[in-house]
Amino acid sequence: MASLIRRYGLGLTAILLALTAFWMLALVWIPYAIMLEQSFRLYLPVTEVGSAKDVYTIANYLSLFSTSALKTFLGVDIPLPVYIFITTVLYSIFVTAICVSLAYPLAWYLAKRASIEIVPTLLLMLVVPMFVSEFLRTYAWFVILAYQGPLNALVELFGLSKVRWLSGYNGVIVGMVYTYFLFMFFPIYNSLTSLDNNQVEAAQDLGAKWWTVHQLVVLPHAKTGISSGCTMVFMFAVGSILVPVLLGSPSSRWFTEIILRTMFESQDWNTASAYAFMLLLVCLLFVSLVMRLFRVNLSDIAH
């Protein structure tokens, strides 16, 4: 606090703290507190709100485990909402893994191998598509992956049969990787740009193979960028709604679709709040696992 006052003065420091407090309270903690409180209350008609039926209960959370509809997962019949919840988390992890595998080599090339003259052009080529709205970019992939779309037309040119790219989770994975790739790329790229080339050259001079250089020198330096990218991509993927709706199929429902339909179609905001809070807990658990895996703290991820 004293260092902030010395740097910015008492007035500016007070403004910064007030804005931060407003952001955290009004836009984060208070909405989450309301959502948590509503998740423990039943959805009741207006006339019954405040009556003897208006009590705190975990019924909204238990509704996730309703056995009215079952789905087989790993040979076991489980409730359909639980199945959708599990598959959403697993495919979000899969999307995150794909983004890491694609972003790391590209970030390494642009940060340490590409000519300084072409790096701005390549970065611009990556960023320019993001100037278009997410809806238009996702819809473009719907057109590309359609059964009568240009991708299947290209497949037919090679004498192959058409593929239903939008069946299952194929389209959802492609759309999410494309949409959230830069959220993985830029943290890794920023961490690699600060890597001293002398460390890499020293390891090579000592006879280390390229994979040893990356394992012992590059990856430890880039772990803050990788952990930050993994956190962002997973959270965006697990909470995505536009991509699953446009590129999904009846067999690839996303958990956020259940929350959306529960909230706006059924008007059951209490159950939707319970589902949303459970999804939030999964995100917090994922962040904790990433911090433990990469041995970083929360400030490293936020940075």
C-alpha atoms as a PDB file:
ATOM      1  CA  MET A   1       0.000   0.000   0.000  1.00  0.00           C
ATOM      2  CA  ALA A   2       2.766   2.418   0.934  1.00  0.00           C
ATOM      3  CA  SER A   3       4.602   1.716  -2.331  1.00  0.00           C
ATOM      4  CA  LEU A   4       1.419   2.424  -4.312  1.00  0.00           C
ATOM      5  CA  ILE A   5       0.944   5.749  -2.537  1.00  0.00           C
ATOM      6  CA  ARG A   6       4.551   6.733  -3.168  1.00  0.00           C
ATOM      7  CA  ARG A   7       4.265   5.812  -6.842  1.00  0.00           C
ATOM      8  CA  TYR A   8       0.822   7.193  -7.708  1.00  0.00           C
ATOM      9  CA  GLY A   9      -0.044   9.535  -4.866  1.00  0.00           C
ATOM     10  CA  LEU A  10      -2.868   9.244  -2.351  1.00  0.00           C
ATOM     11  CA  GLY A  11      -5.672  10.419  -4.662  1.00  0.00           C
ATOM     12  CA  LEU A  12      -4.887   8.140  -7.619  1.00  0.00           C
ATOM     13  CA  THR A  13      -4.236   5.187  -5.309  1.00  0.00           C
ATOM     14  CA  ALA A  14      -7.653   5.682  -3.697  1.00  0.00           C
ATOM     15  CA  ILE A  15      -9.315   5.764  -7.128  1.00  0.00           C
ATOM     16  CA  LEU A  16      -7.512   2.585  -8.234  1.00  0.00           C
ATOM     17  CA  LEU A  17      -8.495   0.759  -5.047  1.00  0.00           C
ATOM     18  CA  ALA A  18     -12.100   1.953  -5.339  1.00  0.00           C
ATOM     19  CA  LEU A  19     -12.357   0.773  -8.943  1.00  0.00           C
ATOM     20  CA  THR A  20     -10.807  -2.580  -8.038  1.00  0.00           C
ATOM     21  CA  ALA A  21     -13.191  -2.994  -5.104  1.00  0.00           C
ATOM     22  CA  PHE A  22     -16.173  -2.100  -7.312  1.00  0.00           C
ATOM     23  CA  TRP A  23     -15.054  -4.625  -9.930  1.00  0.00           C
ATOM     24  CA  MET A  24     -14.568  -7.431  -7.422  1.00  0.00           C
ATOM     25  CA  LEU A  25     -17.702  -6.760  -5.369  1.00  0.00           C
ATOM     26  CA  ALA A  26     -20.294  -5.569  -7.893  1.00  0.00           C
ATOM     27  CA  LEU A  27     -19.223  -7.675 -10.874  1.00  0.00           C
ATOM     28  CA  VAL A  28     -17.784 -10.819  -9.267  1.00  0.00           C
ATOM     29  CA  TRP A  29     -18.507 -11.586  -5.619  1.00  0.00           C
ATOM     30  CA  ILE A  30     -22.046 -10.216  -5.289  1.00  0.00           C
ATOM     31  CA  PRO A  31     -23.361 -11.945  -8.470  1.00  0.00           C
ATOM     32  CA  TYR A  32     -21.713 -15.211  -7.409  1.00  0.00           C
ATOM     33  CA  ALA A  33     -23.149 -14.875  -3.903  1.00  0.00           C
ATOM     34  CA  ILE A  34     -26.651 -14.307  -5.332  1.00  0.00           C
ATOM     35  CA  MET A  35     -26.246 -17.283  -7.667  1.00  0.00           C
ATOM     36  CA  LEU A  36     -25.093 -19.502  -4.803  1.00  0.00           C
ATOM     37  CA  GLU A  37     -27.971 -18.403  -2.572  1.00  0.00           C
ATOM     38  CA  GLN A  38     -30.551 -18.969  -5.319  1.00  0.00           C
ATOM     39  CA  SER A  39     -29.129 -22.413  -6.094  1.00  0.00           C
ATOM     40  CA  PHE A  40     -30.253 -23.644  -2.642  1.00  0.00           C
ATOM     41  CA  ARG A  41     -33.839 -22.412  -3.041  1.00  0.00           C
ATOM     42  CA  LEU A  42     -36.663 -24.117  -4.916  1.00  0.00           C
ATOM     43  CA  TYR A  43     -38.247 -22.731  -8.054  1.00  0.00           C
ATOM     44  CA  LEU A  44     -41.689 -21.660  -6.838  1.00  0.00           C
ATOM     45  CA  PRO A  45     -44.592 -19.622  -8.178  1.00  0.00           C
ATOM     46  CA  VAL A  46     -44.512 -15.969  -7.189  1.00  0.00           C
ATOM     47  CA  THR A  47     -47.420 -16.485  -4.800  1.00  0.00           C
ATOM     48  CA  GLU A  48     -45.459 -19.136  -2.860  1.00  0.00           C
ATOM     49  CA  VAL A  49     -42.212 -17.192  -2.524  1.00  0.00           C
ATOM     50  CA  GLY A  50     -41.679 -16.558   1.189  1.00  0.00           C
ATOM     51  CA  SER A  51     -44.169 -19.247   2.196  1.00  0.00           C
ATOM     52  CA  ALA A  52     -43.442 -22.414   4.156  1.00  0.00           C
ATOM     53  CA  LYS A  53     -42.287 -24.116   0.938  1.00  0.00           C
ATOM     54  CA  ASP A  54     -39.615 -21.467   0.341  1.00  0.00           C
ATOM     55  CA  VAL A  55     -36.782 -23.194   2.213  1.00  0.00           C
ATOM     56  CA  TYR A  56     -33.126 -23.898   1.584  1.00  0.00           C
ATOM     57  CA  THR A  57     -32.501 -27.318   0.079  1.00  0.00           C
ATOM     58  CA  ILE A  58     -30.029 -29.238  -2.092  1.00  0.00           C
ATOM     59  CA  ALA A  59     -32.815 -30.513  -4.356  1.00  0.00           C
ATOM     60  CA  ASN A  60     -31.551 -28.417  -7.289  1.00  0.00           C
ATOM     61  CA  TYR A  61     -28.152 -30.079  -7.085  1.00  0.00           C
ATOM     62  CA  LEU A  62     -29.676 -33.549  -6.714  1.00  0.00           C
ATOM     63  CA  SER A  63     -31.763 -32.985  -9.856  1.00  0.00           C
ATOM     64  CA  LEU A  64     -28.548 -33.425 -11.827  1.00  0.00           C
ATOM     65  CA  PHE A  65     -28.630 -37.082 -10.795  1.00  0.00           C
ATOM     66  CA  SER A  66     -32.220 -37.688 -11.892  1.00  0.00           C
ATOM     67  CA  THR A  67     -32.598 -41.188 -13.343  1.00  0.00           C
ATOM     68  CA  SER A  68     -35.487 -40.278 -15.641  1.00  0.00           C
ATOM     69  CA  ALA A  69     -33.053 -40.491 -18.582  1.00  0.00           C
ATOM     70  CA  LEU A  70     -29.933 -42.670 -18.617  1.00  0.00           C
ATOM     71  CA  LYS A  71     -26.871 -42.854 -20.836  1.00  0.00           C
ATOM     72  CA  THR A  72     -24.187 -45.533 -20.989  1.00  0.00           C
ATOM     73  CA  PHE A  73     -20.707 -44.313 -20.096  1.00  0.00           C
ATOM     74  CA  LEU A  74     -17.824 -46.795 -19.916  1.00  0.00           C
ATOM     75  CA  GLY A  75     -20.329 -49.633 -19.669  1.00  0.00           C
ATOM     76  CA  VAL A  76     -22.270 -48.052 -16.813  1.00  0.00           C
ATOM     77  CA  ASP A  77     -25.717 -46.434 -17.052  1.00  0.00           C
ATOM     78  CA  ILE A  78     -25.571 -42.963 -15.542  1.00  0.00           C
ATOM     79  CA  PRO A  79     -28.060 -40.058 -15.516  1.00  0.00           C
ATOM     80  CA  LEU A  80     -28.071 -38.137 -18.785  1.00  0.00           C
ATOM     81  CA  PRO A  81     -27.243 -34.728 -17.186  1.00  0.00           C
ATOM     82  CA  VAL A  82     -24.231 -36.293 -15.454  1.00  0.00           C
ATOM     83  CA  TYR A  83     -23.121 -37.833 -18.746  1.00  0.00           C
ATOM     84  CA  ILE A  84     -23.341 -34.466 -20.495  1.00  0.00           C
ATOM     85  CA  PHE A  85     -21.483 -32.831 -17.612  1.00  0.00           C
ATOM     86  CA  ILE A  86     -18.656 -35.401 -17.766  1.00  0.00           C
ATOM     87  CA  THR A  87     -18.325 -35.301 -21.554  1.00  0.00           C
ATOM     88  CA  THR A  88     -18.275 -31.492 -21.505  1.00  0.00           C
ATOM     89  CA  VAL A  89     -15.367 -31.492 -19.054  1.00  0.00           C
ATOM     90  CA  LEU A  90     -13.469 -34.253 -20.888  1.00  0.00           C
ATOM     91  CA  TYR A  91     -13.830 -32.673 -24.327  1.00  0.00           C
ATOM     92  CA  SER A  92     -12.844 -29.287 -22.893  1.00  0.00           C
ATOM     93  CA  ILE A  93      -9.649 -30.898 -21.586  1.00  0.00           C
ATOM     94  CA  PHE A  94      -9.144 -32.476 -25.021  1.00  0.00           C
ATOM     95  CA  VAL A  95      -9.556 -29.093 -26.740  1.00  0.00           C
ATOM     96  CA  THR A  96      -7.048 -27.611 -24.284  1.00  0.00           C
ATOM     97  CA  ALA A  97      -4.541 -30.370 -25.068  1.00  0.00           C
ATOM     98  CA  ILE A  98      -4.905 -29.809 -28.815  1.00  0.00           C
ATOM     99  CA  CYS A  99      -4.377 -26.073 -28.395  1.00  0.00           C
ATOM    100  CA  VAL A 100      -1.196 -26.693 -26.375  1.00  0.00           C
ATOM    101  CA  SER A 101       0.192 -29.110 -28.968  1.00  0.00           C
ATOM    102  CA  LEU A 102      -0.454 -26.606 -31.770  1.00  0.00           C
ATOM    103  CA  ALA A 103       0.434 -23.373 -29.983  1.00  0.00           C
ATOM    104  CA  TYR A 104       3.739 -24.417 -28.423  1.00  0.00           C
ATOM    105  CA  PRO A 105       5.670 -25.232 -31.635  1.00  0.00           C
ATOM    106  CA  LEU A 106       4.226 -22.189 -33.402  1.00  0.00           C
ATOM    107  CA  ALA A 107       5.109 -19.923 -30.479  1.00  0.00           C
ATOM    108  CA  TRP A 108       8.623 -21.390 -30.379  1.00  0.00           C
ATOM    109  CA  TYR A 109       9.101 -20.788 -34.087  1.00  0.00           C
ATOM    110  CA  LEU A 110       7.888 -17.179 -33.995  1.00  0.00           C
ATOM    111  CA  ALA A 111       9.756 -16.339 -30.785  1.00  0.00           C
ATOM    112  CA  LYS A 112      13.107 -17.962 -31.519  1.00  0.00           C
ATOM    113  CA  ARG A 113      13.404 -19.191 -35.082  1.00  0.00           C
ATOM    114  CA  ALA A 114      11.488 -16.890 -37.448  1.00  0.00           C
ATOM    115  CA  SER A 115      13.178 -13.891 -39.029  1.00  0.00           C
ATOM    116  CA  ILE A 116      12.427 -10.671 -37.181  1.00  0.00           C
ATOM    117  CA  GLU A 117      11.159  -9.132 -40.440  1.00  0.00           C
ATOM    118  CA  ILE A 118       8.339 -11.640 -40.954  1.00  0.00           C
ATOM    119  CA  VAL A 119       7.203 -12.043 -37.321  1.00  0.00           C
ATOM    120  CA  PRO A 120       4.872  -8.972 -37.346  1.00  0.00           C
ATOM    121  CA  THR A 121       3.270 -10.184 -40.568  1.00  0.00           C
ATOM    122  CA  LEU A 122       2.721 -13.683 -39.212  1.00  0.00           C
ATOM    123  CA  LEU A 123       1.291 -12.336 -35.956  1.00  0.00           C
ATOM    124  CA  LEU A 124      -1.049 -10.071 -37.913  1.00  0.00           C
ATOM    125  CA  MET A 125      -2.240 -13.046 -39.969  1.00  0.00           C
ATOM    126  CA  LEU A 126      -3.102 -14.821 -36.722  1.00  0.00           C
ATOM    127  CA  VAL A 127      -4.911 -11.847 -35.202  1.00  0.00           C
ATOM    128  CA  VAL A 128      -6.860 -10.492 -38.197  1.00  0.00           C
ATOM    129  CA  PRO A 129      -9.537 -13.274 -38.176  1.00  0.00           C
ATOM    130  CA  MET A 130     -10.287 -12.308 -34.566  1.00  0.00           C
ATOM    131  CA  PHE A 131     -11.500  -8.905 -35.800  1.00  0.00           C
ATOM    132  CA  VAL A 132     -14.632 -10.718 -36.997  1.00  0.00           C
ATOM    133  CA  SER A 133     -17.262 -11.627 -34.416  1.00  0.00           C
ATOM    134  CA  GLU A 134     -17.208 -15.098 -32.891  1.00  0.00           C
ATOM    135  CA  PHE A 135     -20.651 -15.811 -34.348  1.00  0.00           C
ATOM    136  CA  LEU A 136     -19.519 -15.164 -37.929  1.00  0.00           C
ATOM    137  CA  ARG A 137     -16.321 -17.156 -37.494  1.00  0.00           C
ATOM    138  CA  THR A 138     -18.234 -20.087 -36.027  1.00  0.00           C
ATOM    139  CA  TYR A 139     -20.882 -19.917 -38.750  1.00  0.00           C
ATOM    140  CA  ALA A 140     -18.108 -19.922 -41.357  1.00  0.00           C
ATOM    141  CA  TRP A 141     -16.931 -23.241 -39.958  1.00  0.00           C
ATOM    142  CA  PHE A 142     -20.521 -24.508 -40.117  1.00  0.00           C
ATOM    143  CA  VAL A 143     -20.502 -23.761 -43.851  1.00  0.00           C
ATOM    144  CA  ILE A 144     -17.061 -25.328 -44.337  1.00  0.00           C
ATOM    145  CA  LEU A 145     -17.890 -28.515 -42.422  1.00  0.00           C
ATOM    146  CA  ALA A 146     -21.403 -28.961 -43.860  1.00  0.00           C
ATOM    147  CA  TYR A 147     -22.096 -32.211 -45.713  1.00  0.00           C
ATOM    148  CA  GLN A 148     -22.427 -30.292 -48.976  1.00  0.00           C
ATOM    149  CA  GLY A 149     -19.727 -27.823 -47.979  1.00  0.00           C
ATOM    150  CA  PRO A 150     -16.364 -26.991 -49.571  1.00  0.00           C
ATOM    151  CA  LEU A 151     -14.391 -29.406 -47.377  1.00  0.00           C
ATOM    152  CA  ASN A 152     -16.351 -32.399 -48.637  1.00  0.00           C
ATOM    153  CA  ALA A 153     -16.064 -31.026 -52.176  1.00  0.00           C
ATOM    154  CA  LEU A 154     -12.296 -31.122 -51.725  1.00  0.00           C
ATOM    155  CA  VAL A 155     -12.512 -34.636 -50.311  1.00  0.00           C
ATOM    156  CA  GLU A 156     -14.438 -35.783 -53.396  1.00  0.00           C
ATOM    157  CA  LEU A 157     -11.713 -34.394 -55.665  1.00  0.00           C
ATOM    158  CA  PHE A 158      -9.401 -37.056 -54.247  1.00  0.00           C
ATOM    159  CA  GLY A 159     -11.950 -39.783 -54.925  1.00  0.00           C
ATOM    160  CA  LEU A 160     -12.955 -40.235 -51.302  1.00  0.00           C
ATOM    161  CA  SER A 161     -16.444 -40.481 -49.805  1.00  0.00           C
ATOM    162  CA  LYS A 162     -18.031 -37.505 -48.090  1.00  0.00           C
ATOM    163  CA  VAL A 163     -17.670 -37.235 -44.332  1.00  0.00           C
ATOM    164  CA  ARG A 164     -20.274 -35.972 -41.885  1.00  0.00           C
ATOM    165  CA  TRP A 165     -17.947 -33.565 -40.114  1.00  0.00           C
ATOM    166  CA  LEU A 166     -20.734 -32.107 -37.983  1.00  0.00           C
ATOM    167  CA  SER A 167     -21.761 -35.424 -36.444  1.00  0.00           C
ATOM    168  CA  GLY A 168     -20.796 -36.099 -32.853  1.00  0.00           C
ATOM    169  CA  TYR A 169     -18.293 -33.707 -31.299  1.00  0.00           C
ATOM    170  CA  ASN A 170     -16.129 -33.272 -34.425  1.00  0.00           C
ATOM    171  CA  GLY A 171     -17.430 -29.840 -35.365  1.00  0.00           C
ATOM    172  CA  VAL A 172     -17.457 -28.644 -31.755  1.00  0.00           C
ATOM    173  CA  ILE A 173     -13.793 -29.563 -31.275  1.00  0.00           C
ATOM    174  CA  VAL A 174     -12.717 -27.922 -34.548  1.00  0.00           C
ATOM    175  CA  GLY A 175     -14.669 -24.769 -33.777  1.00  0.00           C
ATOM    176  CA  MET A 176     -13.344 -24.465 -30.232  1.00  0.00           C
ATOM    177  CA  VAL A 177      -9.723 -25.061 -31.213  1.00  0.00           C
ATOM    178  CA  TYR A 178     -10.006 -22.374 -33.870  1.00  0.00           C
ATOM    179  CA  THR A 179     -11.879 -19.939 -31.626  1.00  0.00           C
ATOM    180  CA  TYR A 180      -9.714 -20.244 -28.503  1.00  0.00           C
ATOM    181  CA  PHE A 181      -6.315 -21.035 -30.041  1.00  0.00           C
ATOM    182  CA  LEU A 182      -4.913 -17.522 -29.589  1.00  0.00           C
ATOM    183  CA  PHE A 183      -5.722 -17.597 -25.872  1.00  0.00           C
ATOM    184  CA  MET A 184      -3.187 -20.417 -25.676  1.00  0.00           C
ATOM    185  CA  PHE A 185      -0.709 -19.065 -28.206  1.00  0.00           C
ATOM    186  CA  PHE A 186      -0.058 -15.564 -26.877  1.00  0.00           C
ATOM    187  CA  PRO A 187       0.727 -16.502 -23.228  1.00  0.00           C
ATOM    188  CA  ILE A 188       3.212 -19.114 -24.461  1.00  0.00           C
ATOM    189  CA  TYR A 189       4.670 -16.734 -27.036  1.00  0.00           C
ATOM    190  CA  ASN A 190       5.116 -13.976 -24.445  1.00  0.00           C
ATOM    191  CA  SER A 191       6.908 -16.335 -22.063  1.00  0.00           C
ATOM    192  CA  LEU A 192       9.230 -17.633 -24.796  1.00  0.00           C
ATOM    193  CA  THR A 193      10.213 -14.148 -25.982  1.00  0.00           C
ATOM    194  CA  SER A 194      11.792 -13.535 -22.571  1.00  0.00           C
ATOM    195  CA  LEU A 195      13.905 -16.709 -22.790  1.00  0.00           C
ATOM    196  CA  ASP A 196      17.617 -15.940 -23.120  1.00  0.00           C
ATOM    197  CA  ASN A 197      18.961 -17.492 -26.331  1.00  0.00           C
ATOM    198  CA  ASN A 198      22.289 -18.071 -24.591  1.00  0.00           C
ATOM    199  CA  GLN A 199      20.660 -20.729 -22.402  1.00  0.00           C
ATOM    200  CA  VAL A 200      19.470 -22.659 -25.446  1.00  0.00           C
ATOM    201  CA  GLU A 201      22.822 -22.295 -27.200  1.00  0.00           C
ATOM    202  CA  ALA A 202      24.688 -23.409 -24.082  1.00  0.00           C
ATOM    203  CA  ALA A 203      22.594 -26.555 -23.844  1.00  0.00           C
ATOM    204  CA  GLN A 204      23.183 -27.299 -27.532  1.00  0.00           C
ATOM    205  CA  ASP A 205      26.939 -26.706 -27.170  1.00  0.00           C
ATOM    206  CA  LEU A 206      26.995 -29.244 -24.338  1.00  0.00           C
ATOM    207  CA  GLY A 207      25.552 -31.840 -26.721  1.00  0.00           C
ATOM    208  CA  ALA A 208      21.918 -31.838 -25.640  1.00  0.00           C
ATOM    209  CA  LYS A 209      19.428 -33.135 -28.193  1.00  0.00           C
ATOM    210  CA  TRP A 210      16.592 -30.843 -29.273  1.00  0.00           C
ATOM    211  CA  TRP A 211      14.038 -32.647 -27.128  1.00  0.00           C
ATOM    212  CA  THR A 212      16.346 -32.422 -24.116  1.00  0.00           C
ATOM    213  CA  VAL A 213      16.733 -28.675 -24.703  1.00  0.00           C
ATOM    214  CA  HIS A 214      12.973 -28.240 -24.695  1.00  0.00           C
ATOM    215  CA  GLN A 215      12.459 -30.523 -21.706  1.00  0.00           C
ATOM    216  CA  LEU A 216      15.118 -28.978 -19.460  1.00  0.00           C
ATOM    217  CA  VAL A 217      15.403 -25.396 -20.700  1.00  0.00           C
ATOM    218  CA  VAL A 218      12.452 -24.194 -22.777  1.00  0.00           C
ATOM    219  CA  LEU A 219       9.467 -25.866 -21.099  1.00  0.00           C
ATOM    220  CA  PRO A 220      10.430 -24.843 -17.535  1.00  0.00           C
ATOM    221  CA  HIS A 221      10.698 -21.242 -18.741  1.00  0.00           C
ATOM    222  CA  ALA A 222       7.381 -21.427 -20.627  1.00  0.00           C
ATOM    223  CA  LYS A 223       5.400 -23.134 -17.871  1.00  0.00           C
ATOM    224  CA  THR A 224       3.767 -19.899 -16.689  1.00  0.00           C
ATOM    225  CA  GLY A 225       2.532 -19.186 -20.220  1.00  0.00           C
ATOM    226  CA  ILE A 226       1.353 -22.767 -20.716  1.00  0.00           C
ATOM    227  CA  SER A 227      -0.481 -22.816 -17.378  1.00  0.00           C
ATOM    228  CA  SER A 228      -2.127 -19.476 -18.126  1.00  0.00           C
ATOM    229  CA  GLY A 229      -3.166 -20.613 -21.611  1.00  0.00           C
ATOM    230  CA  CYS A 230      -4.522 -23.935 -20.341  1.00  0.00           C
ATOM    231  CA  THR A 231      -6.594 -22.160 -17.724  1.00  0.00           C
ATOM    232  CA  MET A 232      -8.114 -19.698 -20.181  1.00  0.00           C
ATOM    233  CA  VAL A 233      -8.808 -22.211 -22.946  1.00  0.00           C
ATOM    234  CA  PHE A 234     -10.410 -24.718 -20.581  1.00  0.00           C
ATOM    235  CA  MET A 235     -12.636 -22.089 -18.978  1.00  0.00           C
ATOM    236  CA  PHE A 236     -13.705 -20.692 -22.334  1.00  0.00           C
ATOM    237  CA  ALA A 237     -14.340 -24.180 -23.730  1.00  0.00           C
ATOM    238  CA  VAL A 238     -16.292 -25.577 -20.783  1.00  0.00           C
ATOM    239  CA  GLY A 239     -18.387 -22.401 -20.623  1.00  0.00           C
ATOM    240  CA  SER A 240     -18.911 -22.031 -24.369  1.00  0.00           C
ATOM    241  CA  ILE A 241     -22.442 -21.849 -25.708  1.00  0.00           C
ATOM    242  CA  LEU A 242     -22.208 -20.429 -29.242  1.00  0.00           C
ATOM    243  CA  VAL A 243     -19.862 -23.057 -30.690  1.00  0.00           C
ATOM    244  CA  PRO A 244     -21.771 -26.117 -29.374  1.00  0.00           C
ATOM    245  CA  VAL A 245     -25.090 -24.678 -30.531  1.00  0.00           C
ATOM    246  CA  LEU A 246     -23.900 -23.953 -34.089  1.00  0.00           C
ATOM    247  CA  LEU A 247     -21.481 -26.839 -34.661  1.00  0.00           C
ATOM    248  CA  GLY A 248     -22.961 -29.497 -32.404  1.00  0.00           C
ATOM    249  CA  SER A 249     -25.356 -32.328 -33.208  1.00  0.00           C
ATOM    250  CA  PRO A 250     -28.147 -34.019 -31.234  1.00  0.00           C
ATOM    251  CA  SER A 251     -25.545 -36.464 -29.887  1.00  0.00           C
ATOM    252  CA  SER A 252     -23.090 -33.770 -28.767  1.00  0.00           C
ATOM    253  CA  ARG A 253     -24.933 -31.659 -26.231  1.00  0.00           C
ATOM    254  CA  TRP A 254     -22.867 -29.294 -24.099  1.00  0.00           C
ATOM    255  CA  PHE A 255     -23.595 -28.716 -20.407  1.00  0.00           C
ATOM    256  CA  THR A 256     -24.032 -24.982 -20.936  1.00  0.00           C
ATOM    257  CA  GLU A 257     -26.933 -25.783 -23.253  1.00  0.00           C
ATOM    258  CA  ILE A 258     -28.702 -27.463 -20.341  1.00  0.00           C
ATOM    259  CA  ILE A 259     -28.091 -24.400 -18.178  1.00  0.00           C
ATOM    260  CA  LEU A 260     -29.372 -22.085 -20.909  1.00  0.00           C
ATOM    261  CA  ARG A 261     -32.522 -24.118 -21.547  1.00  0.00           C
ATOM    262  CA  THR A 262     -33.216 -24.550 -17.837  1.00  0.00           C
ATOM    263  CA  MET A 263     -32.907 -20.823 -17.320  1.00  0.00           C
ATOM    264  CA  PHE A 264     -34.794 -19.427 -20.316  1.00  0.00           C
ATOM    265  CA  GLU A 265     -37.080 -22.220 -21.520  1.00  0.00           C
ATOM    266  CA  SER A 266     -38.064 -23.698 -18.168  1.00  0.00           C
ATOM    267  CA  GLN A 267     -37.607 -20.363 -16.354  1.00  0.00           C
ATOM    268  CA  ASP A 268     -36.043 -22.355 -13.518  1.00  0.00           C
ATOM    269  CA  TRP A 269     -33.261 -19.972 -12.546  1.00  0.00           C
ATOM    270  CA  ASN A 270     -32.671 -21.782  -9.255  1.00  0.00           C
ATOM    271  CA  THR A 271     -31.735 -25.106 -10.844  1.00  0.00           C
ATOM    272  CA  ALA A 272     -29.740 -23.295 -13.523  1.00  0.00           C
ATOM    273  CA  SER A 273     -27.825 -21.491 -10.764  1.00  0.00           C
ATOM    274  CA  ALA A 274     -27.005 -24.839  -9.144  1.00  0.00           C
ATOM    275  CA  TYR A 275     -25.722 -26.248 -12.436  1.00  0.00           C
ATOM    276  CA  ALA A 276     -23.709 -23.092 -13.126  1.00  0.00           C
ATOM    277  CA  PHE A 277     -22.152 -23.201  -9.667  1.00  0.00           C
ATOM    278  CA  MET A 278     -21.139 -26.831 -10.181  1.00  0.00           C
ATOM    279  CA  LEU A 279     -19.474 -25.828 -13.441  1.00  0.00           C
ATOM    280  CA  LEU A 280     -17.676 -23.042 -11.593  1.00  0.00           C
ATOM    281  CA  LEU A 281     -16.380 -25.534  -9.039  1.00  0.00           C
ATOM    282  CA  VAL A 282     -14.984 -27.689 -11.855  1.00  0.00           C
ATOM    283  CA  CYS A 283     -13.177 -24.645 -13.279  1.00  0.00           C
ATOM    284  CA  LEU A 284     -11.675 -23.864  -9.870  1.00  0.00           C
ATOM    285  CA  LEU A 285     -10.597 -27.495  -9.511  1.00  0.00           C
ATOM    286  CA  PHE A 286      -8.973 -27.398 -12.951  1.00  0.00           C
ATOM    287  CA  VAL A 287      -7.055 -24.214 -12.041  1.00  0.00           C
ATOM    288  CA  SER A 288      -5.837 -25.903  -8.847  1.00  0.00           C
ATOM    289  CA  LEU A 289      -4.679 -28.965 -10.801  1.00  0.00           C
ATOM    290  CA  VAL A 290      -2.864 -26.789 -13.343  1.00  0.00           C
ATOM    291  CA  MET A 291      -1.130 -24.888 -10.542  1.00  0.00           C
ATOM    292  CA  ARG A 292      -0.044 -28.158  -8.949  1.00  0.00           C
ATOM    293  CA  LEU A 293       1.033 -29.738 -12.255  1.00  0.00           C
ATOM    294  CA  PHE A 294       3.168 -26.789 -13.400  1.00  0.00           C
ATOM    295  CA  ARG A 295       4.177 -25.773  -9.864  1.00  0.00           C
ATOM    296  CA  VAL A 296       3.050 -22.187 -10.284  1.00  0.00           C
ATOM    297  CA  ASN A 297       0.944 -19.913  -8.111  1.00  0.00           C
ATOM    298  CA  LEU A 298      -2.158 -17.917  -8.937  1.00  0.00           C
ATOM    299  CA  SER A 299      -0.191 -14.741  -9.638  1.00  0.00           C
ATOM    300  CA  ASP A 300       1.808 -16.561 -12.333  1.00  0.00           C
ATOM    301  CA  ILE A 301      -1.386 -17.638 -14.085  1.00  0.00           C
ATOM    302  CA  ALA A 302      -2.923 -14.183 -13.781  1.00  0.00           C
ATOM    303  CA  HIS A 303       0.261 -12.626 -15.146  1.00  0.00           C
END
